[in-house]
């Protein structure tokens, strides 16, 4: 009712479950789909995937009572551009609809702290994924060494120790 009352918006359909929402979105090709995360038959997260995959120009705004960062993360991973809590004001709903419809992202303030904490907890420093040898190479690249200089340094470092006939190592 809130969306239909807006002069600049047209509601082109309503679905009572996730499967209907996917089918309706395919038929009507709307600019924006508002999904409820807790829809029957196919929840909002699972309905978002086929909608955004088959219609890249259709944006999805998810509505939910869930403040848990896992729901938000999975909803955004499925392709939604926004996540709005159901207890949000009418003004927040309209701001979210307009933001997502114009291609911007939207998160309810009530979930933003949880999302930031979740992000910080799951983000690893890419340097942590490097082996000691890769870090050594990265350091030399940062020092503006040429490929030839790096190769020479690495070769001389690896040949300092030589295996002798009895199987032991000696420099």
C-alpha atoms as a PDB file:
ATOM      1  CA  UNK A   1       0.000   0.000   0.000  1.00  0.00           C
ATOM      2  CA  UNK A   2       2.837   2.397   0.833  1.00  0.00           C
ATOM      3  CA  UNK A   3       4.540   1.788  -2.513  1.00  0.00           C
ATOM      4  CA  UNK A   4       1.313   1.945  -4.509  1.00  0.00           C
ATOM      5  CA  UNK A   5       0.503   5.332  -2.949  1.00  0.00           C
ATOM      6  CA  UNK A   6       3.635   6.895  -4.454  1.00  0.00           C
ATOM      7  CA  UNK A   7       3.020   8.864  -7.650  1.00  0.00           C
ATOM      8  CA  UNK A   8       6.431   8.057  -9.099  1.00  0.00           C
ATOM      9  CA  UNK A   9       6.167   4.291  -8.502  1.00  0.00           C
ATOM     10  CA  UNK A  10       4.068   1.618 -10.153  1.00  0.00           C
ATOM     11  CA  UNK A  11       3.459  -1.729  -8.486  1.00  0.00           C
ATOM     12  CA  UNK A  12       3.368  -4.268 -11.313  1.00  0.00           C
ATOM     13  CA  UNK A  13       2.634  -7.354  -9.236  1.00  0.00           C
ATOM     14  CA  UNK A  14       2.436  -9.068  -5.872  1.00  0.00           C
ATOM     15  CA  UNK A  15       3.382 -12.630  -5.002  1.00  0.00           C
ATOM     16  CA  UNK A  16       2.418 -14.708  -1.984  1.00  0.00           C
ATOM     17  CA  UNK A  17       5.531 -16.894  -1.980  1.00  0.00           C
ATOM     18  CA  UNK A  18       9.047 -17.083  -3.329  1.00  0.00           C
ATOM     19  CA  UNK A  19       8.292 -19.253  -6.329  1.00  0.00           C
ATOM     20  CA  UNK A  20       5.549 -16.887  -7.447  1.00  0.00           C
ATOM     21  CA  UNK A  21       7.909 -13.943  -6.948  1.00  0.00           C
ATOM     22  CA  UNK A  22      10.513 -15.484  -9.261  1.00  0.00           C
ATOM     23  CA  UNK A  23       7.925 -16.302 -11.938  1.00  0.00           C
ATOM     24  CA  UNK A  24       6.296 -12.884 -11.662  1.00  0.00           C
ATOM     25  CA  UNK A  25       9.655 -11.114 -11.914  1.00  0.00           C
ATOM     26  CA  UNK A  26      10.460 -13.089 -15.064  1.00  0.00           C
ATOM     27  CA  UNK A  27       7.125 -12.119 -16.650  1.00  0.00           C
ATOM     28  CA  UNK A  28       7.065  -8.447 -15.672  1.00  0.00           C
ATOM     29  CA  UNK A  29      10.824  -7.638 -15.665  1.00  0.00           C
ATOM     30  CA  UNK A  30      10.505  -4.909 -13.010  1.00  0.00           C
ATOM     31  CA  UNK A  31      13.190  -2.387 -12.115  1.00  0.00           C
ATOM     32  CA  UNK A  32      12.910  -3.372  -8.451  1.00  0.00           C
ATOM     33  CA  UNK A  33      11.684  -6.408  -6.532  1.00  0.00           C
ATOM     34  CA  UNK A  34      11.015  -6.209  -2.806  1.00  0.00           C
ATOM     35  CA  UNK A  35      11.315  -9.655  -1.227  1.00  0.00           C
ATOM     36  CA  UNK A  36      10.554 -10.860   2.254  1.00  0.00           C
ATOM     37  CA  UNK A  37      13.326 -13.071   3.594  1.00  0.00           C
ATOM     38  CA  UNK A  38      10.724 -15.281   5.315  1.00  0.00           C
ATOM     39  CA  UNK A  39       8.542 -16.035   2.272  1.00  0.00           C
ATOM     40  CA  UNK A  40       7.001 -19.515   2.122  1.00  0.00           C
ATOM     41  CA  UNK A  41       8.016 -22.175  -0.427  1.00  0.00           C
ATOM     42  CA  UNK A  42      11.178 -20.313  -1.472  1.00  0.00           C
ATOM     43  CA  UNK A  43      12.656 -17.829   0.980  1.00  0.00           C
ATOM     44  CA  UNK A  44      13.743 -14.371  -0.080  1.00  0.00           C
ATOM     45  CA  UNK A  45      17.413 -15.275  -0.264  1.00  0.00           C
ATOM     46  CA  UNK A  46      16.752 -18.226  -2.551  1.00  0.00           C
ATOM     47  CA  UNK A  47      14.292 -16.198  -4.652  1.00  0.00           C
ATOM     48  CA  UNK A  48      16.839 -13.400  -5.075  1.00  0.00           C
ATOM     49  CA  UNK A  49      19.380 -15.648  -6.798  1.00  0.00           C
ATOM     50  CA  UNK A  50      17.357 -16.561  -9.899  1.00  0.00           C
ATOM     51  CA  UNK A  51      15.861 -13.085 -10.146  1.00  0.00           C
ATOM     52  CA  UNK A  52      19.233 -11.333 -10.218  1.00  0.00           C
ATOM     53  CA  UNK A  53      20.891 -13.994 -12.369  1.00  0.00           C
ATOM     54  CA  UNK A  54      18.241 -14.015 -15.097  1.00  0.00           C
ATOM     55  CA  UNK A  55      17.574 -10.264 -14.942  1.00  0.00           C
ATOM     56  CA  UNK A  56      20.744  -8.290 -14.216  1.00  0.00           C
ATOM     57  CA  UNK A  57      18.877  -4.969 -14.526  1.00  0.00           C
ATOM     58  CA  UNK A  58      16.346  -5.900 -11.851  1.00  0.00           C
ATOM     59  CA  UNK A  59      17.447  -4.845  -8.387  1.00  0.00           C
ATOM     60  CA  UNK A  60      16.339  -6.552  -5.200  1.00  0.00           C
ATOM     61  CA  UNK A  61      15.567  -5.008  -1.818  1.00  0.00           C
ATOM     62  CA  UNK A  62      15.133  -7.550   0.975  1.00  0.00           C
ATOM     63  CA  UNK A  63      12.842  -7.032   3.955  1.00  0.00           C
ATOM     64  CA  UNK A  64      13.490  -8.950   7.141  1.00  0.00           C
ATOM     65  CA  UNK A  65      13.045  -9.038  10.877  1.00  0.00           C
ATOM     66  CA  UNK A  66      16.472 -10.684  11.162  1.00  0.00           C
ATOM     67  CA  UNK A  67      19.290  -8.436  12.389  1.00  0.00           C
ATOM     68  CA  UNK A  68      21.869 -11.215  12.314  1.00  0.00           C
ATOM     69  CA  UNK A  69      24.795 -10.459  10.009  1.00  0.00           C
ATOM     70  CA  UNK A  70      24.626 -13.953   8.495  1.00  0.00           C
ATOM     71  CA  UNK A  71      21.213 -13.205   6.984  1.00  0.00           C
ATOM     72  CA  UNK A  72      22.436  -9.888   5.639  1.00  0.00           C
ATOM     73  CA  UNK A  73      25.627 -11.397   4.205  1.00  0.00           C
ATOM     74  CA  UNK A  74      23.805 -14.270   2.506  1.00  0.00           C
ATOM     75  CA  UNK A  75      21.122 -11.946   1.145  1.00  0.00           C
ATOM     76  CA  UNK A  76      23.710  -9.614  -0.356  1.00  0.00           C
ATOM     77  CA  UNK A  77      25.719 -12.568  -1.659  1.00  0.00           C
ATOM     78  CA  UNK A  78      22.555 -13.797  -3.405  1.00  0.00           C
ATOM     79  CA  UNK A  79      22.423 -10.495  -5.301  1.00  0.00           C
ATOM     80  CA  UNK A  80      20.236  -8.135  -3.268  1.00  0.00           C
ATOM     81  CA  UNK A  81      21.306  -4.491  -3.299  1.00  0.00           C
ATOM     82  CA  UNK A  82      19.579  -3.600  -0.054  1.00  0.00           C
ATOM     83  CA  UNK A  83      18.484  -4.992   3.282  1.00  0.00           C
ATOM     84  CA  UNK A  84      15.748  -3.266   5.257  1.00  0.00           C
ATOM     85  CA  UNK A  85      14.388  -4.246   8.638  1.00  0.00           C
ATOM     86  CA  UNK A  86      10.621  -4.633   8.769  1.00  0.00           C
ATOM     87  CA  UNK A  87      10.342  -2.330  11.765  1.00  0.00           C
ATOM     88  CA  UNK A  88      11.774   0.557   9.727  1.00  0.00           C
ATOM     89  CA  UNK A  89       9.780   3.704   9.223  1.00  0.00           C
ATOM     90  CA  UNK A  90       7.825   4.498   6.070  1.00  0.00           C
ATOM     91  CA  UNK A  91      10.446   7.145   5.284  1.00  0.00           C
ATOM     92  CA  UNK A  92      13.224   4.538   5.537  1.00  0.00           C
ATOM     93  CA  UNK A  93      11.274   2.188   3.283  1.00  0.00           C
ATOM     94  CA  UNK A  94      10.901   4.864   0.634  1.00  0.00           C
ATOM     95  CA  UNK A  95      14.546   5.926   0.967  1.00  0.00           C
ATOM     96  CA  UNK A  96      15.644   2.285   0.590  1.00  0.00           C
ATOM     97  CA  UNK A  97      13.371   1.687  -2.408  1.00  0.00           C
ATOM     98  CA  UNK A  98      14.599   4.798  -4.183  1.00  0.00           C
ATOM     99  CA  UNK A  99      18.258   4.138  -3.359  1.00  0.00           C
ATOM    100  CA  UNK A 100      18.171   0.523  -4.550  1.00  0.00           C
ATOM    101  CA  UNK A 101      16.088   1.393  -7.629  1.00  0.00           C
ATOM    102  CA  UNK A 102      18.736   3.933  -8.619  1.00  0.00           C
ATOM    103  CA  UNK A 103      21.527   1.378  -8.258  1.00  0.00           C
ATOM    104  CA  UNK A 104      22.769   2.299  -4.801  1.00  0.00           C
ATOM    105  CA  UNK A 105      23.082  -0.047  -1.864  1.00  0.00           C
ATOM    106  CA  UNK A 106      21.024   0.239   1.317  1.00  0.00           C
ATOM    107  CA  UNK A 107      21.407  -1.233   4.785  1.00  0.00           C
ATOM    108  CA  UNK A 108      19.132  -0.526   7.707  1.00  0.00           C
ATOM    109  CA  UNK A 109      21.028   1.273  10.443  1.00  0.00           C
ATOM    110  CA  UNK A 110      19.959  -1.530  12.791  1.00  0.00           C
ATOM    111  CA  UNK A 111      22.107  -4.069  10.935  1.00  0.00           C
ATOM    112  CA  UNK A 112      25.077  -1.944   9.916  1.00  0.00           C
ATOM    113  CA  UNK A 113      27.042  -2.557  13.139  1.00  0.00           C
ATOM    114  CA  UNK A 114      26.501  -6.318  12.850  1.00  0.00           C
ATOM    115  CA  UNK A 115      27.590  -6.255   9.210  1.00  0.00           C
ATOM    116  CA  UNK A 116      30.750  -4.289  10.016  1.00  0.00           C
ATOM    117  CA  UNK A 117      31.671  -6.667  12.856  1.00  0.00           C
ATOM    118  CA  UNK A 118      31.033  -9.651  10.597  1.00  0.00           C
ATOM    119  CA  UNK A 119      33.153  -8.115   7.840  1.00  0.00           C
ATOM    120  CA  UNK A 120      36.059  -7.449  10.176  1.00  0.00           C
ATOM    121  CA  UNK A 121      35.857 -10.972  11.548  1.00  0.00           C
ATOM    122  CA  UNK A 122      35.923 -12.619   8.097  1.00  0.00           C
ATOM    123  CA  UNK A 123      38.398 -10.405   6.291  1.00  0.00           C
ATOM    124  CA  UNK A 124      41.942 -11.652   6.273  1.00  0.00           C
ATOM    125  CA  UNK A 125      44.955  -9.705   5.211  1.00  0.00           C
ATOM    126  CA  UNK A 126      45.960 -11.073   1.784  1.00  0.00           C
ATOM    127  CA  UNK A 127      49.597 -10.953   2.871  1.00  0.00           C
ATOM    128  CA  UNK A 128      48.757 -13.561   5.524  1.00  0.00           C
ATOM    129  CA  UNK A 129      47.978 -15.988   2.693  1.00  0.00           C
ATOM    130  CA  UNK A 130      51.500 -15.755   1.246  1.00  0.00           C
ATOM    131  CA  UNK A 131      54.255 -18.261   1.921  1.00  0.00           C
ATOM    132  CA  UNK A 132      57.536 -16.968   3.410  1.00  0.00           C
ATOM    133  CA  UNK A 133      59.146 -17.171  -0.044  1.00  0.00           C
ATOM    134  CA  UNK A 134      56.274 -15.214  -1.628  1.00  0.00           C
ATOM    135  CA  UNK A 135      56.622 -12.568   1.075  1.00  0.00           C
ATOM    136  CA  UNK A 136      60.322 -12.354   0.288  1.00  0.00           C
ATOM    137  CA  UNK A 137      59.542 -11.766  -3.391  1.00  0.00           C
ATOM    138  CA  UNK A 138      56.873  -9.218  -2.505  1.00  0.00           C
ATOM    139  CA  UNK A 139      59.357  -7.333  -0.338  1.00  0.00           C
ATOM    140  CA  UNK A 140      61.868  -7.173  -3.195  1.00  0.00           C
ATOM    141  CA  UNK A 141      59.162  -5.950  -5.574  1.00  0.00           C
ATOM    142  CA  UNK A 142      58.294  -3.246  -3.043  1.00  0.00           C
ATOM    143  CA  UNK A 143      61.972  -2.288  -3.023  1.00  0.00           C
ATOM    144  CA  UNK A 144      61.705  -1.748  -6.818  1.00  0.00           C
ATOM    145  CA  UNK A 145      64.110  -4.531  -7.658  1.00  0.00           C
ATOM    146  CA  UNK A 146      64.066  -5.835 -11.207  1.00  0.00           C
ATOM    147  CA  UNK A 147      63.090  -9.390 -12.092  1.00  0.00           C
ATOM    148  CA  UNK A 148      66.737 -10.174 -12.789  1.00  0.00           C
ATOM    149  CA  UNK A 149      67.831  -8.849  -9.384  1.00  0.00           C
ATOM    150  CA  UNK A 150      65.119 -10.845  -7.647  1.00  0.00           C
ATOM    151  CA  UNK A 151      66.061 -14.006  -9.529  1.00  0.00           C
ATOM    152  CA  UNK A 152      69.746 -13.550  -8.722  1.00  0.00           C
ATOM    153  CA  UNK A 153      69.006 -12.973  -5.041  1.00  0.00           C
ATOM    154  CA  UNK A 154      66.696 -15.974  -4.798  1.00  0.00           C
ATOM    155  CA  UNK A 155      69.071 -18.236  -6.738  1.00  0.00           C
ATOM    156  CA  UNK A 156      72.080 -17.320  -4.614  1.00  0.00           C
ATOM    157  CA  UNK A 157      70.026 -17.770  -1.435  1.00  0.00           C
ATOM    158  CA  UNK A 158      68.861 -21.215  -2.515  1.00  0.00           C
ATOM    159  CA  UNK A 159      72.319 -22.379  -3.612  1.00  0.00           C
ATOM    160  CA  UNK A 160      74.113 -21.412  -0.407  1.00  0.00           C
ATOM    161  CA  UNK A 161      73.369 -24.853   0.929  1.00  0.00           C
ATOM    162  CA  UNK A 162      74.482 -27.826  -1.127  1.00  0.00           C
ATOM    163  CA  UNK A 163      73.841 -31.464  -0.645  1.00  0.00           C
ATOM    164  CA  UNK A 164      76.946 -33.585  -0.432  1.00  0.00           C
ATOM    165  CA  UNK A 165      77.393 -37.258  -1.208  1.00  0.00           C
ATOM    166  CA  UNK A 166      76.416 -38.609   2.214  1.00  0.00           C
ATOM    167  CA  UNK A 167      73.017 -36.861   2.028  1.00  0.00           C
ATOM    168  CA  UNK A 168      73.900 -34.028   4.412  1.00  0.00           C
ATOM    169  CA  UNK A 169      73.780 -30.346   3.551  1.00  0.00           C
ATOM    170  CA  UNK A 170      76.704 -27.926   3.566  1.00  0.00           C
ATOM    171  CA  UNK A 171      77.112 -24.270   2.603  1.00  0.00           C
END
